[in-house]
Protein backbone atom coordinates (compact mmCIF):
# COMPACT_ATOMS: atom_id res chain seq x y z
CA MET A 1 -113.15 -16.55 8.11
CA LYS A 2 -116.57 -15.40 8.74
CA ASP A 3 -117.26 -12.58 10.69
CA LYS A 4 -119.89 -13.72 13.42
CA SER A 5 -121.73 -10.24 13.59
CA THR A 6 -122.22 -9.99 10.01
CA GLY A 7 -121.87 -13.45 8.59
CA LYS A 8 -119.52 -12.10 5.57
CA GLU A 9 -116.31 -13.93 4.76
CA ARG A 10 -113.28 -11.70 5.82
CA LEU A 11 -109.91 -11.58 4.12
CA TYR A 12 -106.65 -10.27 5.77
CA MET A 13 -104.39 -8.45 3.60
CA ALA A 14 -100.87 -7.05 3.40
CA VAL A 15 -100.84 -4.10 0.77
CA THR A 16 -98.55 -1.70 -0.62
CA ARG A 17 -98.77 2.10 -0.43
CA ASP A 18 -99.76 2.14 -4.11
CA ARG A 19 -103.45 1.60 -4.31
CA LEU A 20 -103.26 0.12 -7.85
CA SER A 21 -100.72 -2.57 -6.96
CA LEU A 22 -102.01 -6.06 -5.90
CA PRO A 23 -101.75 -7.28 -2.19
CA LEU A 24 -98.47 -8.55 -1.03
CA ALA A 25 -100.33 -11.39 0.71
CA VAL A 26 -103.85 -12.77 1.33
CA ALA A 27 -104.85 -14.87 4.21
CA ASP A 28 -108.08 -16.15 5.94
CA SER A 29 -106.96 -15.09 9.53
CA ALA A 30 -104.58 -12.55 11.14
CA ALA A 31 -102.45 -15.49 12.47
CA GLU A 32 -102.13 -17.07 8.93
CA LEU A 33 -101.29 -13.50 7.34
CA ALA A 34 -98.57 -13.17 10.48
CA GLU A 35 -97.00 -16.32 9.35
CA LEU A 36 -96.82 -15.38 5.65
CA ARG A 37 -95.28 -11.82 6.65
CA GLY A 38 -93.01 -13.49 9.17
CA VAL A 39 -94.38 -10.88 12.04
CA LYS A 40 -96.28 -11.75 15.25
CA LYS A 41 -100.17 -11.96 15.00
CA GLU A 42 -100.57 -9.15 17.51
CA THR A 43 -98.57 -7.02 15.25
CA ILE A 44 -101.19 -7.58 12.38
CA ARG A 45 -104.05 -6.92 14.71
CA SER A 46 -102.48 -3.80 16.14
CA LEU A 47 -101.76 -2.29 12.73
CA ILE A 48 -105.17 -3.22 11.35
CA SER A 49 -106.92 -1.63 14.44
CA ARG A 50 -104.65 1.69 14.17
CA GLY A 51 -105.84 1.70 10.33
CA ARG A 52 -109.40 1.69 11.01
CA THR A 53 -109.24 4.29 13.74
CA GLY A 54 -107.26 6.52 11.35
CA LYS A 55 -103.90 6.70 13.29
CA ILE A 56 -102.39 5.28 10.18
CA LYS A 57 -103.13 7.00 6.87
CA ARG A 58 -102.31 4.39 4.76
CA PRO A 59 -102.21 0.89 6.58
CA GLY A 60 -99.86 -1.85 5.50
CA TYR A 61 -102.60 -4.46 6.68
CA ILE A 62 -106.25 -4.48 6.18
CA VAL A 63 -109.55 -6.55 6.49
CA VAL A 64 -111.71 -6.86 3.77
CA GLU A 65 -115.32 -8.24 3.79
CA VAL A 66 -116.12 -10.23 0.73
CA GLU A 67 -119.82 -10.39 -0.32
CA GLU A 68 -120.86 -13.90 -1.72
CA ASP A 69 -122.35 -14.09 -4.94
CA ALA A 70 -126.15 -14.74 -4.78
CA PRO A 71 -127.06 -18.13 -6.56
């Protein structure tokens, strides 16, 4: 899903506490990630928000902006 303000592609990820591990799940939207993980999408959005503000030191869910390769 593209971010309207930046125009960049976003990926929603469920991650482990080990930074070197691969993501547990990757999705194009919070709703899709919630379905994959078996939780409500509001839970995903809340945890992502709390991770961005620093309330959670190692968030389990993150959003990553993907830069497209130049042609």
